[in-house]
Amino acid sequence: MVMNVLIVEDNELFVNSNARSMKVLANKYNIDMKVKVFTNVGDLLYQHIKEESIDLALLDVEIGNHDGVKVGKKIVKYHPLVSLVFITLYRKYLDRASVLDPIGFLVKPVQFDRLEKLFCKAVMLKQGLLSLEEKNTKFVTVMENRNKMEIKECEILYIRTCQRKLLLKVGERNILISETISSFEKGLSDLFIKIARDILVNKRKVKEVRGMQIIMCNGDSLDISWRKFQEVIRKLHT
């Protein structure tokens, strides 16, 4: 398991201290960890939030002239299951951050034992999600060019009709099968949402909703039927 940690803090002293603490904890608990640090809010940070995995985010409530809570909202938008920890010099700012349901708060200077407890909590949350995903792994059987194959349902990004066949987008691969979308849909779990008459998407692979389109994690854009828009938005958040 890889733990992806994001630290956003404008004070280099605290940045270095927290980054060192993360490395100590990774070694102590034998966790493979990737730590990314930003000392200011800008395009590079937002690009990282959009494109990279984040399991644990340590955010200063005030990052220069920027609001750390707003950064937290952006992270939650792209990573709804992230473990957020807000850090500040002043306890009075913590109430604003509580609306994002963080796993905890830290007051500067950060106490290592308190950070360790929150780190362990984040690790356990990720392990729980991984075990739940593994437990719920389902396979679908398809025929492509007379070749029978089993595909993990969770690895399918989306399904759409294509020239009287079904196109299954699995990673970078396009799999064409001779089946109708209505019959194929019956064998799927509620992991999939019908966003149009001829399109099903894996809600865990949705990156964002942009206007009347869904942007998938691989960058593909798919049109949402206006009749289904409200239903799609509701299902994406359940």
Protein backbone atom coordinates (compact mmCIF):
# COMPACT_ATOMS: atom_id res chain seq x y z
CA MET A 1 0.00 0.00 0.00
CA VAL A 2 1.27 3.45 -0.94
CA MET A 3 0.29 6.41 1.24
CA ASN A 4 0.18 9.63 -0.78
CA VAL A 5 0.69 12.64 1.50
CA LEU A 6 0.28 16.30 0.59
CA ILE A 7 1.68 19.05 2.83
CA VAL A 8 0.71 22.69 2.17
CA GLU A 9 2.44 25.12 4.52
CA ASP A 10 4.10 28.49 3.87
CA ASN A 11 6.49 28.34 6.84
CA GLU A 12 9.59 26.40 5.80
CA LEU A 13 10.46 25.54 9.40
CA PHE A 14 7.10 23.81 9.90
CA VAL A 15 7.22 22.28 6.41
CA ASN A 16 10.57 20.63 7.06
CA SER A 17 9.51 19.46 10.51
CA ASN A 18 6.27 17.89 9.25
CA ALA A 19 7.98 16.28 6.26
CA ARG A 20 10.62 14.74 8.54
CA SER A 21 7.91 13.49 10.87
CA MET A 22 6.14 11.81 7.95
CA LYS A 23 9.33 9.97 6.99
CA VAL A 24 9.85 8.85 10.59
CA LEU A 25 6.28 7.53 10.75
CA ALA A 26 6.62 5.78 7.38
CA ASN A 27 9.72 3.96 8.63
CA LYS A 28 8.19 3.18 12.01
CA TYR A 29 5.05 1.60 10.53
CA ASN A 30 6.71 0.22 7.38
CA ILE A 31 4.50 2.26 5.07
CA ASP A 32 5.48 3.04 1.49
CA MET A 33 4.93 6.79 1.38
CA LYS A 34 5.11 9.56 -1.19
CA VAL A 35 5.22 13.09 0.24
CA LYS A 36 4.62 16.19 -1.86
CA VAL A 37 5.20 19.63 -0.34
CA PHE A 38 3.92 23.03 -1.47
CA THR A 39 4.84 26.27 0.26
CA ASN A 40 2.42 28.42 -1.73
CA VAL A 41 -0.94 28.19 -3.45
CA GLY A 42 -0.84 28.33 -7.23
CA ASP A 43 -1.28 26.47 -10.50
CA LEU A 44 1.23 23.74 -9.61
CA LEU A 45 -0.64 22.90 -6.41
CA TYR A 46 -4.02 22.78 -8.16
CA GLN A 47 -2.57 20.67 -10.96
CA HIS A 48 -1.26 18.22 -8.37
CA ILE A 49 -4.67 18.10 -6.68
CA LYS A 50 -6.41 17.36 -9.98
CA GLU A 51 -3.96 14.81 -11.35
CA GLU A 52 -2.35 12.98 -8.43
CA SER A 53 -3.64 10.65 -5.71
CA ILE A 54 -3.96 12.14 -2.23
CA ASP A 55 -4.69 9.99 0.82
CA LEU A 56 -3.64 12.40 3.58
CA ALA A 57 -3.41 16.19 3.35
CA LEU A 58 -1.79 18.36 6.03
CA LEU A 59 -3.01 21.90 5.41
CA ASP A 60 -2.15 25.15 7.09
CA VAL A 61 -5.35 27.13 7.63
CA GLU A 62 -3.58 30.29 6.44
CA ILE A 63 -1.13 29.90 3.55
CA GLY A 64 0.26 33.36 2.95
CA ASN A 65 -2.69 35.36 1.65
CA HIS A 66 -4.59 32.21 0.73
CA ASP A 67 -7.27 30.34 2.63
CA GLY A 68 -6.29 26.78 3.49
CA VAL A 69 -9.93 25.82 3.95
CA LYS A 70 -10.62 26.70 0.31
CA VAL A 71 -7.68 24.52 -0.69
CA GLY A 72 -9.23 21.75 1.42
CA LYS A 73 -12.54 22.14 -0.44
CA LYS A 74 -10.72 21.76 -3.75
CA ILE A 75 -9.00 18.59 -2.51
CA VAL A 76 -12.28 17.08 -1.32
CA LYS A 77 -13.86 17.86 -4.71
CA TYR A 78 -11.35 15.61 -6.47
CA HIS A 79 -10.64 13.21 -3.60
CA PRO A 80 -13.83 12.80 -1.55
CA LEU A 81 -12.31 10.04 0.63
CA VAL A 82 -9.17 11.99 1.55
CA SER A 83 -8.08 12.32 5.18
CA LEU A 84 -7.73 16.04 5.93
CA VAL A 85 -5.74 17.49 8.82
CA PHE A 86 -5.73 21.25 9.38
CA ILE A 87 -2.83 22.98 11.12
CA THR A 88 -2.81 26.48 12.60
CA LEU A 89 -1.25 28.73 15.21
CA TYR A 90 -4.66 29.88 16.35
CA ARG A 91 -7.45 27.61 17.55
CA LYS A 92 -10.09 30.19 16.60
CA TYR A 93 -9.64 29.33 12.91
CA LEU A 94 -10.47 25.66 13.35
CA ASP A 95 -14.25 26.11 13.38
CA ARG A 96 -14.25 27.15 9.72
CA ALA A 97 -12.33 24.04 8.75
CA SER A 98 -14.68 21.66 10.58
CA VAL A 99 -17.26 21.87 7.77
CA LEU A 100 -15.00 19.63 5.66
CA ASP A 101 -15.12 16.87 8.28
CA PRO A 102 -11.35 16.53 8.75
CA ILE A 103 -9.94 13.60 10.71
CA GLY A 104 -8.32 16.05 13.11
CA PHE A 105 -6.65 19.37 13.87
CA LEU A 106 -3.13 20.28 14.93
CA VAL A 107 -1.99 23.45 16.64
CA LYS A 108 1.52 24.75 15.95
CA PRO A 109 4.07 23.77 17.00
CA VAL A 110 2.87 20.30 16.03
CA GLN A 111 3.29 17.64 18.71
CA PHE A 112 4.70 14.44 17.22
CA ASP A 113 2.51 12.09 19.27
CA ARG A 114 -0.63 13.91 18.13
CA LEU A 115 0.51 13.81 14.50
CA GLU A 116 1.27 10.11 14.88
CA LYS A 117 -2.27 9.37 16.08
CA LEU A 118 -3.80 11.18 13.10
CA PHE A 119 -1.39 9.48 10.71
CA CYS A 120 -2.38 6.06 12.04
CA LYS A 121 -6.03 7.01 11.68
CA ALA A 122 -5.49 7.97 8.03
CA VAL A 123 -3.62 4.71 7.35
CA MET A 124 -6.40 2.64 8.92
CA LEU A 125 -9.01 4.51 6.87
CA LYS A 126 -7.14 3.75 3.65
CA GLN A 127 -6.60 0.12 4.61
CA GLY A 128 -10.31 -0.17 5.33
CA LEU A 129 -11.21 1.27 1.94
CA LEU A 130 -8.79 -1.06 0.16
CA SER A 131 -10.08 -4.14 1.96
CA LEU A 132 -13.67 -3.10 1.25
CA GLU A 133 -12.86 -2.64 -2.44
CA GLU A 134 -11.14 -6.02 -2.55
CA LYS A 135 -14.06 -7.67 -0.80
CA ASN A 136 -16.51 -6.16 -3.26
CA THR A 137 -14.47 -7.01 -6.37
CA LYS A 138 -16.79 -8.38 -9.01
CA PHE A 139 -15.92 -9.86 -12.39
CA VAL A 140 -17.93 -9.56 -15.59
CA THR A 141 -17.62 -12.11 -18.38
CA VAL A 142 -17.50 -10.81 -21.95
CA MET A 143 -16.87 -12.22 -25.41
CA GLU A 144 -14.61 -10.30 -27.78
CA ASN A 145 -14.00 -11.84 -31.20
CA ARG A 146 -15.06 -15.23 -29.83
CA ASN A 147 -12.56 -14.91 -27.01
CA LYS A 148 -14.05 -15.26 -23.56
CA MET A 149 -12.54 -13.07 -20.86
CA GLU A 150 -13.23 -11.95 -17.32
CA ILE A 151 -12.79 -8.30 -16.39
CA LYS A 152 -12.84 -6.71 -12.97
CA GLU A 153 -15.93 -4.55 -12.89
CA CYS A 154 -14.09 -1.85 -10.94
CA GLU A 155 -11.51 -1.52 -13.74
CA ILE A 156 -14.09 -0.52 -16.35
CA LEU A 157 -14.11 3.26 -16.78
CA TYR A 158 -17.23 3.50 -18.90
CA ILE A 159 -19.46 1.63 -21.34
CA ARG A 160 -21.08 3.12 -24.42
CA THR A 161 -22.70 2.00 -27.63
CA CYS A 162 -20.47 2.08 -30.69
CA GLN A 163 -21.57 0.97 -34.16
CA ARG A 164 -24.28 -1.38 -32.86
CA LYS A 165 -21.87 -2.87 -30.35
CA LEU A 166 -20.79 -2.02 -26.82
CA LEU A 167 -17.45 -0.38 -26.17
CA LEU A 168 -15.94 -1.09 -22.76
CA LYS A 169 -13.16 1.29 -21.79
CA VAL A 170 -10.79 -0.67 -19.54
CA GLY A 171 -7.67 1.32 -18.77
CA GLU A 172 -6.21 2.24 -22.16
CA ARG A 173 -7.96 -0.64 -23.89
CA ASN A 174 -11.17 -0.54 -25.92
CA ILE A 175 -13.11 -3.82 -25.83
CA LEU A 176 -15.96 -4.26 -28.32
CA ILE A 177 -18.67 -6.80 -27.56
CA SER A 178 -21.92 -7.77 -29.26
CA GLU A 179 -24.49 -6.94 -26.61
CA THR A 180 -27.05 -4.26 -25.90
CA ILE A 181 -26.43 -1.73 -23.18
CA SER A 182 -29.72 -2.58 -21.45
CA SER A 183 -28.89 -6.28 -21.15
CA PHE A 184 -25.31 -5.63 -20.06
CA GLU A 185 -26.45 -3.12 -17.45
CA LYS A 186 -28.52 -5.79 -15.68
CA GLY A 187 -25.35 -7.63 -14.67
CA LEU A 188 -23.60 -4.59 -13.21
CA SER A 189 -23.55 -3.33 -9.65
CA ASP A 190 -24.59 0.15 -8.51
CA LEU A 191 -21.00 1.22 -9.16
CA PHE A 192 -22.26 2.30 -12.58
CA ILE A 193 -24.46 5.27 -13.39
CA LYS A 194 -26.39 5.74 -16.60
CA ILE A 195 -25.66 9.30 -17.73
CA ALA A 196 -27.37 8.98 -21.11
CA ARG A 197 -29.40 6.40 -23.00
CA ASP A 198 -26.24 4.83 -24.41
CA ILE A 199 -23.58 5.57 -21.76
CA LEU A 200 -22.76 4.02 -18.37
CA VAL A 201 -19.92 5.36 -16.22
CA ASN A 202 -18.04 3.96 -13.25
CA LYS A 203 -18.63 6.61 -10.59
CA ARG A 204 -15.30 5.81 -8.91
CA LYS A 205 -13.52 6.75 -12.13
CA VAL A 206 -15.21 10.14 -12.52
CA LYS A 207 -12.77 13.02 -12.16
CA GLU A 208 -15.23 15.91 -12.30
CA VAL A 209 -18.45 17.25 -13.76
CA ARG A 210 -17.89 20.14 -16.14
CA GLY A 211 -21.07 21.73 -17.40
CA MET A 212 -23.12 18.98 -19.04
CA GLN A 213 -20.15 16.65 -19.34
CA ILE A 214 -18.48 14.11 -17.12
CA ILE A 215 -14.69 14.07 -17.24
CA MET A 216 -13.26 10.65 -16.53
CA CYS A 217 -9.97 9.98 -14.74
CA ASN A 218 -8.25 9.31 -18.08
CA GLY A 219 -9.39 12.67 -19.49
CA ASP A 220 -12.20 11.34 -21.70
CA SER A 221 -15.31 13.53 -21.72
CA LEU A 222 -18.83 12.10 -21.93
CA ASP A 223 -22.07 14.01 -22.46
CA ILE A 224 -24.77 13.87 -19.78
CA SER A 225 -28.37 13.76 -20.94
CA TRP A 226 -30.16 16.86 -19.67
CA ARG A 227 -33.02 14.65 -18.50
CA LYS A 228 -30.65 12.66 -16.31
CA PHE A 229 -28.46 15.50 -15.06
CA GLN A 230 -29.98 15.91 -11.58
CA GLU A 231 -30.13 12.16 -11.04
CA VAL A 232 -26.51 11.77 -12.13
CA ILE A 233 -25.30 14.49 -9.74
CA ARG A 234 -27.23 12.90 -6.87
CA LYS A 235 -25.83 9.42 -7.55
CA LEU A 236 -22.28 10.71 -7.84
CA HIS A 237 -22.55 12.01 -4.28
CA THR A 238 -23.99 8.84 -2.74
